[in-house]
N, C-alpha and C. Protein backbone atom coordinates (compact mmCIF):
# COMPACT_ATOMS: atom_id res chain seq x y z
N MET A 1 105.87 107.82 115.56
CA MET A 1 106.40 109.06 115.03
C MET A 1 105.30 109.74 114.22
N ASP A 2 105.03 111.00 114.51
CA ASP A 2 103.99 111.69 113.75
C ASP A 2 104.56 112.20 112.42
N GLU A 3 103.70 112.78 111.60
CA GLU A 3 104.11 113.18 110.26
C GLU A 3 105.20 114.26 110.26
N LYS A 4 105.13 115.19 111.21
CA LYS A 4 106.16 116.25 111.27
C LYS A 4 107.52 115.66 111.61
N ALA A 5 107.55 114.78 112.60
CA ALA A 5 108.81 114.14 112.98
C ALA A 5 109.33 113.25 111.86
N LEU A 6 108.43 112.58 111.16
CA LEU A 6 108.82 111.71 110.06
C LEU A 6 109.45 112.51 108.93
N VAL A 7 108.84 113.61 108.55
CA VAL A 7 109.40 114.47 107.50
C VAL A 7 110.76 114.99 107.93
N ALA A 8 110.86 115.44 109.18
CA ALA A 8 112.14 115.96 109.68
C ALA A 8 113.22 114.88 109.66
N ALA A 9 112.88 113.67 110.08
CA ALA A 9 113.86 112.58 110.11
C ALA A 9 114.32 112.21 108.70
N LEU A 10 113.39 112.14 107.77
CA LEU A 10 113.75 111.83 106.39
C LEU A 10 114.63 112.93 105.80
N ARG A 11 114.27 114.18 106.06
CA ARG A 11 115.08 115.31 105.55
C ARG A 11 116.49 115.25 106.10
N ALA A 12 116.61 114.99 107.39
CA ALA A 12 117.93 114.94 108.03
C ALA A 12 118.81 113.85 107.43
N ARG A 13 118.18 112.78 106.98
CA ARG A 13 118.92 111.65 106.41
C ARG A 13 119.08 111.76 104.89
N GLY A 14 118.42 112.74 104.28
CA GLY A 14 118.47 112.87 102.83
C GLY A 14 117.76 111.74 102.12
N GLU A 15 116.67 111.24 102.74
CA GLU A 15 115.93 110.10 102.20
C GLU A 15 114.52 110.49 101.81
N THR A 16 113.88 109.62 101.03
CA THR A 16 112.55 109.90 100.52
C THR A 16 111.61 108.72 100.77
N VAL A 17 110.32 108.96 100.61
CA VAL A 17 109.31 107.93 100.83
C VAL A 17 108.23 108.03 99.75
N ALA A 18 107.64 106.89 99.46
CA ALA A 18 106.48 106.79 98.57
C ALA A 18 105.54 105.75 99.15
N ALA A 19 104.29 105.78 98.74
CA ALA A 19 103.31 104.82 99.28
C ALA A 19 102.41 104.28 98.19
N ALA A 20 102.04 103.01 98.36
CA ALA A 20 100.98 102.39 97.57
C ALA A 20 99.87 102.07 98.55
N GLU A 21 98.73 102.71 98.37
CA GLU A 21 97.67 102.67 99.37
C GLU A 21 96.39 102.08 98.81
N SER A 22 95.85 101.13 99.55
CA SER A 22 94.55 100.58 99.21
C SER A 22 93.51 101.17 100.16
N LEU A 23 93.39 100.62 101.37
CA LEU A 23 92.30 101.08 102.25
C LEU A 23 92.42 102.54 102.63
N THR A 24 93.63 103.11 102.66
CA THR A 24 93.81 104.51 103.04
C THR A 24 93.63 105.46 101.87
N ALA A 25 93.60 104.95 100.66
CA ALA A 25 93.24 105.72 99.46
C ALA A 25 93.92 107.08 99.35
N GLY A 26 95.21 107.14 99.66
CA GLY A 26 95.95 108.39 99.53
C GLY A 26 96.14 109.16 100.82
N LEU A 27 95.61 108.67 101.91
CA LEU A 27 95.68 109.39 103.18
C LEU A 27 97.11 109.50 103.71
N VAL A 28 97.94 108.49 103.46
CA VAL A 28 99.34 108.56 103.89
C VAL A 28 100.02 109.75 103.22
N CYS A 29 99.90 109.82 101.91
CA CYS A 29 100.55 110.91 101.17
C CYS A 29 99.93 112.27 101.52
N ALA A 30 98.62 112.32 101.64
CA ALA A 30 97.96 113.57 101.97
C ALA A 30 98.38 114.07 103.36
N THR A 31 98.53 113.16 104.30
CA THR A 31 98.94 113.54 105.65
C THR A 31 100.37 114.08 105.65
N LEU A 32 101.26 113.40 104.94
CA LEU A 32 102.64 113.89 104.84
C LEU A 32 102.70 115.24 104.14
N ALA A 33 101.89 115.41 103.10
CA ALA A 33 101.92 116.64 102.31
C ALA A 33 101.45 117.87 103.09
N ARG A 34 100.76 117.68 104.20
CA ARG A 34 100.34 118.81 105.03
C ARG A 34 101.52 119.46 105.75
N VAL A 35 102.64 118.75 105.85
CA VAL A 35 103.80 119.25 106.58
C VAL A 35 104.63 120.15 105.67
N PRO A 36 104.91 121.38 106.10
CA PRO A 36 105.79 122.24 105.29
C PRO A 36 107.14 121.56 105.05
N GLY A 37 107.59 121.59 103.82
CA GLY A 37 108.85 120.95 103.47
C GLY A 37 108.73 119.50 103.05
N ALA A 38 107.51 118.98 103.02
CA ALA A 38 107.30 117.57 102.66
C ALA A 38 107.77 117.28 101.24
N SER A 39 107.78 118.29 100.38
CA SER A 39 108.17 118.04 98.99
C SER A 39 109.62 117.55 98.88
N ALA A 40 110.42 117.79 99.90
CA ALA A 40 111.81 117.32 99.88
C ALA A 40 111.90 115.81 100.13
N VAL A 41 110.84 115.22 100.70
CA VAL A 41 110.92 113.80 101.08
C VAL A 41 109.82 112.93 100.49
N LEU A 42 108.70 113.50 100.12
CA LEU A 42 107.58 112.72 99.59
C LEU A 42 107.70 112.64 98.07
N ARG A 43 108.02 111.44 97.57
CA ARG A 43 108.18 111.27 96.13
C ARG A 43 106.85 111.14 95.41
N GLY A 44 105.90 110.43 96.02
CA GLY A 44 104.61 110.26 95.38
C GLY A 44 103.89 109.06 95.94
N GLY A 45 102.77 108.75 95.33
CA GLY A 45 101.99 107.63 95.81
C GLY A 45 101.09 107.05 94.75
N LEU A 46 100.66 105.84 95.02
CA LEU A 46 99.76 105.11 94.14
C LEU A 46 98.52 104.76 94.94
N VAL A 47 97.36 105.17 94.47
CA VAL A 47 96.11 104.75 95.09
C VAL A 47 95.64 103.54 94.30
N VAL A 48 95.67 102.39 94.95
CA VAL A 48 95.37 101.12 94.29
C VAL A 48 94.20 100.45 94.99
N TYR A 49 93.09 101.15 95.03
CA TYR A 49 91.89 100.67 95.71
C TYR A 49 91.34 99.42 95.01
N ALA A 50 91.31 99.45 93.69
CA ALA A 50 90.82 98.30 92.92
C ALA A 50 91.91 97.23 92.87
N THR A 51 91.51 95.98 93.03
CA THR A 51 92.47 94.88 93.10
C THR A 51 93.37 94.82 91.87
N GLU A 52 92.82 94.97 90.67
CA GLU A 52 93.66 94.85 89.47
C GLU A 52 94.71 95.95 89.38
N LEU A 53 94.47 97.10 90.02
CA LEU A 53 95.47 98.16 90.01
C LEU A 53 96.65 97.85 90.90
N LYS A 54 96.46 96.97 91.87
CA LYS A 54 97.59 96.54 92.70
C LYS A 54 98.66 95.88 91.82
N THR A 55 98.21 95.15 90.81
CA THR A 55 99.14 94.53 89.86
C THR A 55 99.60 95.54 88.82
N ARG A 56 98.67 96.21 88.19
CA ARG A 56 99.00 97.10 87.07
C ARG A 56 99.89 98.27 87.49
N LEU A 57 99.59 98.90 88.61
CA LEU A 57 100.35 100.08 89.01
C LEU A 57 101.48 99.79 89.99
N ALA A 58 101.27 98.83 90.90
CA ALA A 58 102.26 98.59 91.95
C ALA A 58 103.07 97.31 91.76
N GLY A 59 102.70 96.50 90.77
CA GLY A 59 103.49 95.31 90.48
C GLY A 59 103.25 94.12 91.39
N VAL A 60 102.12 94.10 92.10
CA VAL A 60 101.81 92.96 92.96
C VAL A 60 101.55 91.73 92.08
N ASP A 61 102.09 90.60 92.48
CA ASP A 61 101.94 89.34 91.75
C ASP A 61 100.46 88.97 91.62
N PRO A 62 99.95 88.86 90.39
CA PRO A 62 98.53 88.54 90.22
C PRO A 62 98.16 87.16 90.79
N GLU A 63 99.09 86.22 90.77
CA GLU A 63 98.81 84.90 91.33
C GLU A 63 98.65 84.97 92.85
N LEU A 64 99.44 85.84 93.49
CA LEU A 64 99.30 86.05 94.93
C LEU A 64 97.91 86.59 95.25
N LEU A 65 97.47 87.57 94.48
CA LEU A 65 96.14 88.15 94.68
C LEU A 65 95.05 87.11 94.44
N ALA A 66 95.21 86.29 93.41
CA ALA A 66 94.20 85.27 93.10
C ALA A 66 94.12 84.22 94.20
N GLU A 67 95.27 83.88 94.77
CA GLU A 67 95.31 82.83 95.79
C GLU A 67 94.87 83.32 97.17
N HIS A 68 95.30 84.52 97.54
CA HIS A 68 95.08 84.99 98.92
C HIS A 68 94.15 86.19 99.04
N GLY A 69 93.86 86.86 97.95
CA GLY A 69 93.06 88.08 98.02
C GLY A 69 93.93 89.29 98.28
N ALA A 70 93.29 90.45 98.29
CA ALA A 70 94.03 91.71 98.40
C ALA A 70 94.49 92.02 99.82
N VAL A 71 93.82 91.45 100.81
CA VAL A 71 94.16 91.75 102.21
C VAL A 71 94.99 90.59 102.76
N TYR A 72 96.31 90.72 102.56
CA TYR A 72 97.23 89.64 102.89
C TYR A 72 98.60 90.26 103.13
N PRO A 73 99.36 89.76 104.09
CA PRO A 73 100.65 90.40 104.43
C PRO A 73 101.60 90.57 103.24
N GLU A 74 101.75 89.55 102.43
CA GLU A 74 102.69 89.65 101.30
C GLU A 74 102.23 90.68 100.27
N VAL A 75 100.92 90.91 100.19
CA VAL A 75 100.42 91.96 99.31
C VAL A 75 100.93 93.31 99.80
N ALA A 76 100.89 93.55 101.10
CA ALA A 76 101.40 94.81 101.66
C ALA A 76 102.89 94.96 101.37
N ALA A 77 103.64 93.87 101.50
CA ALA A 77 105.08 93.92 101.22
C ALA A 77 105.34 94.27 99.76
N GLN A 78 104.58 93.65 98.85
CA GLN A 78 104.76 93.93 97.43
C GLN A 78 104.28 95.32 97.05
N LEU A 79 103.25 95.81 97.72
CA LEU A 79 102.82 97.20 97.50
C LEU A 79 103.93 98.16 97.89
N ALA A 80 104.56 97.91 99.04
CA ALA A 80 105.65 98.78 99.51
C ALA A 80 106.81 98.77 98.53
N ALA A 81 107.18 97.59 98.06
CA ALA A 81 108.28 97.47 97.10
C ALA A 81 107.92 98.17 95.79
N GLY A 82 106.69 98.01 95.35
CA GLY A 82 106.24 98.65 94.12
C GLY A 82 106.25 100.16 94.22
N ALA A 83 105.80 100.70 95.34
CA ALA A 83 105.81 102.15 95.53
C ALA A 83 107.25 102.67 95.51
N ARG A 84 108.12 101.97 96.22
CA ARG A 84 109.52 102.39 96.28
C ARG A 84 110.15 102.40 94.89
N GLU A 85 109.95 101.32 94.17
CA GLU A 85 110.55 101.18 92.84
C GLU A 85 109.97 102.17 91.84
N ARG A 86 108.66 102.21 91.76
CA ARG A 86 108.02 103.02 90.72
C ARG A 86 108.16 104.51 90.97
N CYS A 87 108.27 104.91 92.24
CA CYS A 87 108.41 106.34 92.56
C CYS A 87 109.86 106.75 92.79
N GLY A 88 110.78 105.80 92.76
CA GLY A 88 112.18 106.12 92.95
C GLY A 88 112.49 106.65 94.33
N ALA A 89 111.91 106.05 95.35
CA ALA A 89 112.08 106.50 96.73
C ALA A 89 113.03 105.60 97.50
N THR A 90 113.58 106.14 98.57
CA THR A 90 114.41 105.35 99.48
C THR A 90 113.57 104.30 100.19
N TRP A 91 112.38 104.71 100.60
CA TRP A 91 111.47 103.87 101.38
C TRP A 91 110.13 103.77 100.68
N GLY A 92 109.52 102.60 100.77
CA GLY A 92 108.17 102.40 100.26
C GLY A 92 107.27 101.88 101.36
N LEU A 93 106.07 102.41 101.42
CA LEU A 93 105.04 101.93 102.34
C LEU A 93 103.92 101.31 101.52
N GLY A 94 103.36 100.22 102.00
CA GLY A 94 102.23 99.57 101.35
C GLY A 94 101.15 99.27 102.38
N LEU A 95 99.93 99.68 102.11
CA LEU A 95 98.84 99.46 103.05
C LEU A 95 97.67 98.79 102.38
N THR A 96 97.20 97.71 102.99
CA THR A 96 96.01 97.02 102.51
C THR A 96 95.24 96.53 103.74
N GLY A 97 93.93 96.52 103.63
CA GLY A 97 93.14 96.08 104.78
C GLY A 97 91.66 96.29 104.54
N VAL A 98 90.91 96.10 105.61
CA VAL A 98 89.45 96.23 105.55
C VAL A 98 89.03 97.31 106.54
N ALA A 99 88.53 98.43 106.02
CA ALA A 99 88.09 99.53 106.88
C ALA A 99 86.67 99.30 107.41
N GLY A 100 85.93 98.39 106.80
CA GLY A 100 84.58 98.07 107.27
C GLY A 100 83.54 98.97 106.65
N PRO A 101 82.31 98.84 107.07
CA PRO A 101 81.90 98.08 108.25
C PRO A 101 81.76 96.58 108.02
N ALA A 102 81.71 96.13 106.76
CA ALA A 102 81.53 94.70 106.49
C ALA A 102 82.87 94.03 106.23
N ALA A 103 82.88 92.72 106.38
CA ALA A 103 84.07 91.93 106.05
C ALA A 103 84.29 91.97 104.53
N GLN A 104 85.52 91.68 104.11
CA GLN A 104 85.85 91.62 102.70
C GLN A 104 86.53 90.29 102.42
N ASP A 105 85.94 89.49 101.58
CA ASP A 105 86.49 88.17 101.23
C ASP A 105 86.80 87.35 102.49
N GLY A 106 85.93 87.45 103.48
CA GLY A 106 86.10 86.69 104.72
C GLY A 106 87.07 87.30 105.71
N VAL A 107 87.62 88.46 105.40
CA VAL A 107 88.56 89.13 106.29
C VAL A 107 87.80 90.15 107.13
N ALA A 108 88.01 90.11 108.43
CA ALA A 108 87.27 90.96 109.36
C ALA A 108 87.64 92.44 109.22
N PRO A 109 86.65 93.31 109.43
CA PRO A 109 86.94 94.75 109.46
C PRO A 109 88.01 95.04 110.52
N GLY A 110 88.88 95.96 110.21
CA GLY A 110 89.95 96.32 111.13
C GLY A 110 91.24 95.55 110.91
N THR A 111 91.20 94.54 110.04
CA THR A 111 92.42 93.80 109.69
C THR A 111 93.20 94.65 108.69
N VAL A 112 94.43 94.98 109.04
CA VAL A 112 95.26 95.84 108.20
C VAL A 112 96.67 95.28 108.16
N HIS A 113 97.28 95.32 106.98
CA HIS A 113 98.67 94.93 106.81
C HIS A 113 99.42 96.14 106.29
N VAL A 114 100.51 96.50 106.98
CA VAL A 114 101.34 97.64 106.60
C VAL A 114 102.71 97.10 106.22
N GLY A 115 103.12 97.33 104.98
CA GLY A 115 104.42 96.88 104.51
C GLY A 115 105.40 98.03 104.43
N LEU A 116 106.67 97.69 104.63
CA LEU A 116 107.76 98.66 104.52
C LEU A 116 108.88 98.02 103.71
N ASP A 117 109.37 98.75 102.73
CA ASP A 117 110.48 98.28 101.90
C ASP A 117 111.50 99.41 101.82
N GLY A 118 112.75 99.08 102.13
CA GLY A 118 113.80 100.09 102.08
C GLY A 118 115.16 99.45 102.13
N PRO A 119 116.19 100.24 102.34
CA PRO A 119 117.56 99.71 102.35
C PRO A 119 117.72 98.59 103.38
N GLY A 120 117.91 97.37 102.90
CA GLY A 120 118.10 96.24 103.79
C GLY A 120 116.89 95.87 104.62
N THR A 121 115.73 96.38 104.25
CA THR A 121 114.52 96.18 105.05
C THR A 121 113.35 95.76 104.18
N ARG A 122 112.67 94.71 104.61
CA ARG A 122 111.39 94.30 103.99
C ARG A 122 110.60 93.66 105.11
N THR A 123 109.58 94.36 105.58
CA THR A 123 108.82 93.87 106.73
C THR A 123 107.35 94.22 106.59
N VAL A 124 106.52 93.50 107.32
CA VAL A 124 105.08 93.75 107.33
C VAL A 124 104.60 93.69 108.77
N ARG A 125 103.75 94.62 109.13
CA ARG A 125 103.11 94.61 110.44
C ARG A 125 101.62 94.41 110.22
N THR A 126 101.04 93.45 110.94
CA THR A 126 99.60 93.18 110.85
C THR A 126 98.91 93.77 112.07
N LEU A 127 97.83 94.47 111.81
CA LEU A 127 97.07 95.16 112.86
C LEU A 127 95.66 94.60 112.95
N ALA A 128 95.10 94.62 114.14
CA ALA A 128 93.69 94.30 114.36
C ALA A 128 93.09 95.53 115.04
N LEU A 129 92.52 96.41 114.22
CA LEU A 129 92.00 97.69 114.71
C LEU A 129 90.50 97.62 114.91
N SER A 130 89.99 98.52 115.72
CA SER A 130 88.54 98.61 115.90
C SER A 130 88.13 100.06 115.76
N GLY A 131 86.86 100.25 115.46
CA GLY A 131 86.34 101.59 115.27
C GLY A 131 85.64 101.70 113.93
N ASP A 132 85.24 102.93 113.60
CA ASP A 132 84.57 103.14 112.32
C ASP A 132 85.62 103.25 111.20
N ARG A 133 85.14 103.40 109.99
CA ARG A 133 86.04 103.46 108.82
C ARG A 133 87.11 104.54 108.96
N ASP A 134 86.68 105.72 109.37
CA ASP A 134 87.64 106.82 109.47
C ASP A 134 88.72 106.53 110.50
N LEU A 135 88.34 105.97 111.63
CA LEU A 135 89.32 105.67 112.67
C LEU A 135 90.28 104.57 112.20
N ILE A 136 89.77 103.55 111.56
CA ILE A 136 90.63 102.46 111.07
C ILE A 136 91.63 103.00 110.04
N ARG A 137 91.18 103.86 109.15
CA ARG A 137 92.07 104.43 108.14
C ARG A 137 93.11 105.34 108.80
N THR A 138 92.69 106.17 109.75
CA THR A 138 93.61 107.07 110.44
C THR A 138 94.65 106.29 111.24
N GLU A 139 94.21 105.26 111.94
CA GLU A 139 95.15 104.44 112.73
C GLU A 139 96.10 103.65 111.83
N SER A 140 95.65 103.30 110.64
CA SER A 140 96.52 102.63 109.68
C SER A 140 97.66 103.56 109.24
N VAL A 141 97.33 104.81 109.00
CA VAL A 141 98.36 105.80 108.64
C VAL A 141 99.35 105.96 109.79
N ARG A 142 98.84 106.09 111.00
CA ARG A 142 99.73 106.22 112.17
C ARG A 142 100.65 105.02 112.30
N ALA A 143 100.12 103.84 112.06
CA ALA A 143 100.93 102.62 112.14
C ALA A 143 102.01 102.60 111.07
N ALA A 144 101.69 103.08 109.87
CA ALA A 144 102.68 103.14 108.80
C ALA A 144 103.80 104.11 109.17
N PHE A 145 103.44 105.25 109.73
CA PHE A 145 104.45 106.23 110.15
C PHE A 145 105.31 105.66 111.28
N ALA A 146 104.69 104.96 112.20
CA ALA A 146 105.44 104.36 113.31
C ALA A 146 106.42 103.31 112.80
N LEU A 147 105.97 102.48 111.87
CA LEU A 147 106.83 101.43 111.32
C LEU A 147 108.05 102.05 110.61
N LEU A 148 107.80 103.04 109.78
CA LEU A 148 108.92 103.70 109.11
C LEU A 148 109.82 104.40 110.13
N GLY A 149 109.20 105.07 111.09
CA GLY A 149 109.97 105.80 112.11
C GLY A 149 110.92 104.89 112.88
N GLU A 150 110.51 103.67 113.15
CA GLU A 150 111.38 102.71 113.85
C GLU A 150 112.65 102.43 113.07
N HIS A 151 112.56 102.49 111.75
CA HIS A 151 113.72 102.19 110.91
C HIS A 151 114.56 103.43 110.63
N LEU A 152 114.06 104.58 111.05
CA LEU A 152 114.83 105.83 110.88
C LEU A 152 115.54 106.24 112.16
N ALA A 153 115.14 105.63 113.27
CA ALA A 153 115.71 106.02 114.58
C ALA A 153 117.14 105.53 114.75
């Protein structure tokens, strides 16, 4: 589901979304905000590029980060829950991964975890993407929209 369809679906349902973004650094929210009428559905976002901000701003368990690092499926799930809670949204998206070109803490470039938290839903999708930084970040946003869109259909 692209951003226009996502905004339309959320509006039709009277629901909202927020995001906590690491590797995409605000691209999810910026992409949604390009759509006219997005203000009715986009509550806000947290850019949590630095690991300690994942805990401070989004509420990710610091022990989880210490044990597994920032690029881990449960981190994406907790980012999504944190965005939802802190922004007062119906749905929360959480994105963490490695855009490259180098590995991060032993995690290969293109490894991305997308979390979704919402009514009766808590799920994570893991991606193995290829391409340059911009493509990996763009495809991560598309994957987040697709994941949310599946739960709105």
